[in-house]
Amino acid sequence: MTKDSERSIRYSRQIAIDEIGREGQRKLSEGKVLVIGCGALGSMVAMQLCGAGVGEIGIVDFDSVDISNLQRQFFFTTDGAGRRKAELLQESMSALNPDCRISRIDEMMTRKLAEEVLARYDFIVDGTDNFPSKQMIEEPKVCHIA
């Protein structure tokens, strides 16, 4: 099977939707999204974006898997306890869709890191769970919304 025919099959249900079509799928494949936070919300969003065929996805998280969070963080397992969330999520995303380019940053999002990284992406998804991080990500000098 050729790469093009595999893509046609992989995204056929999205392409069949009039609002998406081939042009929309092409735009998704050219898109770049950064997901900050790989907990319950961030991991779910990252996997959905990957499955949909977003071309480049960055994931940022400093934390490790803790079994006390497994009831809501569905892409992690008991075997992953203690491992970096971003690393495990990157593995799952790559297995789900090898067409997506997945990069990761195993650090806490700081103002300096935000200034270096955010401008590289078309969209930023805030999956953090603390107010200082949310406030920093939304600051006009850090994240510009067009």
Protein backbone atom coordinates (compact mmCIF):
# COMPACT_ATOMS: atom_id res chain seq x y z
CA MET A 1 0.00 0.00 0.00
CA THR A 2 1.38 3.42 -0.91
CA LYS A 3 1.75 6.22 1.64
CA ASP A 4 -0.93 8.29 -0.17
CA SER A 5 -3.46 5.44 -0.23
CA GLU A 6 -2.80 4.72 3.45
CA ARG A 7 -3.44 8.41 4.26
CA SER A 8 -6.63 8.36 2.20
CA ILE A 9 -7.89 5.42 4.24
CA ARG A 10 -6.66 6.79 7.60
CA TYR A 11 -8.44 10.13 7.16
CA SER A 12 -11.35 8.97 4.96
CA ARG A 13 -14.03 9.66 7.56
CA GLN A 14 -12.80 13.22 8.08
CA ILE A 15 -12.37 13.87 4.36
CA ALA A 16 -15.97 12.69 3.82
CA ILE A 17 -17.24 15.52 6.03
CA ASP A 18 -18.05 18.46 3.76
CA GLU A 19 -16.69 20.98 6.23
CA ILE A 20 -13.27 19.25 6.26
CA GLY A 21 -12.75 17.56 2.90
CA ARG A 22 -9.36 17.07 1.29
CA GLU A 23 -8.43 20.73 1.64
CA GLY A 24 -9.18 20.74 5.36
CA GLN A 25 -7.20 17.56 5.85
CA ARG A 26 -4.28 19.12 3.99
CA LYS A 27 -4.43 22.13 6.32
CA LEU A 28 -4.48 19.85 9.36
CA SER A 29 -1.41 18.03 8.07
CA GLU A 30 0.41 21.37 7.75
CA GLY A 31 -0.68 22.58 11.21
CA LYS A 32 1.56 22.92 14.24
CA VAL A 33 0.04 22.68 17.73
CA LEU A 34 1.72 22.86 21.12
CA VAL A 35 0.03 21.13 24.06
CA ILE A 36 1.22 22.37 27.44
CA GLY A 37 0.45 19.88 30.19
CA CYS A 38 0.11 16.13 29.60
CA GLY A 39 -2.34 15.28 32.35
CA ALA A 40 -5.98 14.34 31.82
CA LEU A 41 -6.92 17.22 29.50
CA GLY A 42 -3.61 17.65 27.68
CA SER A 43 -3.09 13.95 26.94
CA MET A 44 -6.64 13.57 25.62
CA VAL A 45 -6.29 16.61 23.36
CA ALA A 46 -2.85 15.55 22.12
CA MET A 47 -4.08 12.08 21.18
CA GLN A 48 -7.12 13.52 19.37
CA LEU A 49 -4.96 15.98 17.42
CA CYS A 50 -2.59 13.17 16.50
CA GLY A 51 -5.41 10.91 15.38
CA ALA A 52 -6.88 13.74 13.31
CA GLY A 53 -3.60 14.11 11.44
CA VAL A 54 -2.17 17.40 12.70
CA GLY A 55 1.26 17.51 11.13
CA GLU A 56 3.38 18.66 14.04
CA ILE A 57 2.53 18.42 17.72
CA GLY A 58 4.71 19.57 20.58
CA ILE A 59 4.04 18.37 24.11
CA VAL A 60 5.36 20.00 27.28
CA ASP A 61 5.24 18.49 30.76
CA PHE A 62 7.74 18.18 33.60
CA ASP A 63 5.82 15.62 35.62
CA SER A 64 5.89 11.84 35.94
CA VAL A 65 3.01 9.38 35.96
CA ASP A 66 1.50 8.86 39.41
CA ILE A 67 -0.92 6.00 40.03
CA SER A 68 -3.20 8.36 41.97
CA ASN A 69 -4.05 10.06 38.65
CA LEU A 70 -4.73 6.97 36.53
CA GLN A 71 -8.50 7.14 37.02
CA ARG A 72 -8.55 10.24 34.79
CA GLN A 73 -5.35 10.07 32.75
CA PHE A 74 -6.37 7.33 30.35
CA PHE A 75 -3.23 7.13 28.23
CA PHE A 76 -1.00 6.12 31.14
CA THR A 77 -0.85 2.77 32.92
CA THR A 78 0.40 1.34 36.19
CA ASP A 79 3.52 0.10 34.37
CA GLY A 80 4.34 3.71 33.48
CA ALA A 81 4.34 4.95 37.08
CA GLY A 82 7.39 7.10 37.69
CA ARG A 83 8.13 7.63 33.99
CA ARG A 84 7.85 11.05 32.33
CA LYS A 85 4.35 11.81 31.06
CA ALA A 86 5.61 13.55 27.93
CA GLU A 87 7.82 10.60 27.01
CA LEU A 88 5.02 8.05 27.41
CA LEU A 89 2.53 10.25 25.59
CA GLN A 90 4.97 10.73 22.71
CA GLU A 91 5.31 6.94 22.42
CA SER A 92 1.52 6.48 22.33
CA MET A 93 1.06 9.25 19.78
CA SER A 94 3.79 7.89 17.50
CA ALA A 95 2.19 4.44 17.65
CA LEU A 96 -1.24 5.92 16.86
CA ASN A 97 -0.16 7.96 13.86
CA PRO A 98 3.34 7.77 12.38
CA ASP A 99 2.48 10.65 10.00
CA CYS A 100 2.59 13.17 12.87
CA ARG A 101 5.86 14.71 13.96
CA ILE A 102 5.88 14.66 17.75
CA SER A 103 8.36 16.65 19.79
CA ARG A 104 8.50 16.90 23.54
CA ILE A 105 9.93 19.08 26.24
CA ASP A 106 10.34 17.38 29.62
CA GLU A 107 10.36 20.65 31.56
CA MET A 108 8.00 22.95 33.37
CA MET A 109 6.82 25.77 31.13
CA THR A 110 8.65 28.89 32.27
CA ARG A 111 8.46 32.42 30.89
CA LYS A 112 11.87 31.96 29.22
CA LEU A 113 10.89 28.63 27.67
CA ALA A 114 7.54 30.05 26.55
CA GLU A 115 9.25 32.93 24.78
CA GLU A 116 11.54 30.48 22.99
CA VAL A 117 8.92 27.89 22.02
CA LEU A 118 5.40 29.31 21.62
CA ALA A 119 6.07 31.32 18.47
CA ARG A 120 6.92 28.12 16.55
CA TYR A 121 3.32 26.89 16.71
CA ASP A 122 0.04 27.89 15.06
CA PHE A 123 -2.07 27.00 18.11
CA ILE A 124 -1.38 26.58 21.81
CA VAL A 125 -3.49 24.25 23.96
CA ASP A 126 -3.34 25.02 27.67
CA GLY A 127 -3.78 21.74 29.50
CA THR A 128 -2.15 22.95 32.71
CA ASP A 129 -3.81 22.66 36.09
CA ASN A 130 -2.48 25.67 37.95
CA PHE A 131 -3.32 29.33 37.78
CA PRO A 132 0.24 30.78 37.54
CA SER A 133 0.96 28.65 34.43
CA LYS A 134 -2.35 29.58 32.81
CA GLN A 135 -1.75 33.25 33.51
CA MET A 136 1.78 33.15 32.04
CA ILE A 137 0.68 31.31 28.90
CA GLU A 138 -2.07 33.86 28.26
CA GLU A 139 0.13 36.94 28.73
CA PRO A 140 0.20 39.00 25.53
CA LYS A 141 4.01 39.09 25.39
CA VAL A 142 4.20 35.31 25.61
CA CYS A 143 1.31 34.02 23.52
CA HIS A 144 -0.16 36.13 20.74
CA ILE A 145 -3.67 35.23 19.69
CA ALA A 146 -4.41 36.08 16.06
